[in-house]
Amino acid sequence: MKKKALIVWGGWDGHEPEQVANIFNDILIEEGFEVEVSNSLESYADPEKLQSLDLIVPHWTMGEIEKKYVQNISAAVISGVGLAGCHGGMCDSFRNNVDWQFMTGGNWVAHPGNDGVEYTVEIKHSSSPLLDGLSDFKVKSEQYYLHVDPANEILATTRFPVIEGPHTKNTAVDMPVVWTKRWGVGRVFYNSLGHVSNIIAMPEVSTIMRRGFLWAAEGKKLYSVKDEGTKPIYTGMGDSQ
């Protein structure tokens, strides 16, 4: 039986959400998924449908979302559905919804120098084999500075500062670029690269996204095999301010 994925794109047009969604759709179809692509947040309205999926791929920058929709996504991920995305399409979405930020593992706060900064993405040693075989690489794009969940497992980083700014007087830091985390029994994957579609199309970046999609989507199957007959009860959702 084919795995099922839902891609939901929209928000700020500068991130080329439709073009990026099309690339993601092609990757998932190549991997044998049955894919639904939507440009409406109402795609998150049916909790039973969401829980029938293997993977949710959000690509929606900024904007606002109904609290109930985030609760529906959270419940699906808690039950084992994977959540995977990139750049502002996942961690600069719905800035007023802290529940979304808690679930995804981080939130964008700045990109010093804006677009066109050249920097290195450094692959890190970790307990995850997700990026095995990949080498450090350079990219010329936005360099995301994020506030991140300390529970994340960091798979790749970039060194700040590269561009002068008020942050440069601080000690140099390695900012997470790629991470994974758990939400309930679901797998969450994030890659901060992907300002526009030609960055996603880079071989290194598309490979990272492909592996992230497959890893996140596999979690539901593993949960059903190991823990059949049990259900997580933690909802993890408070009142969004």
Foldseek 3Di string as FASTA:
>chain_A
DAAEEEEEAEADCQLVGVLQVVLVVVLSVVVRHDYDYYPDLCVLVDLVVLLSHLEYEFFHAEDADDPVSLLSNLQSQLLARFYEYEARRQQRYHVQFVLSQVVQFKHFDDFPPAFFQKWKKQFDDDPDCLCPPDGIDIDGTTDTDIDGDPQKDAGIWTKDDPDDDPCVVDDIDTGGAWTWHGRNQFIHIYGNDRSYNVRCVPPSNVSSRSSSRVVRSCSNVVCCVPPPPDHDDDSSDDDRD
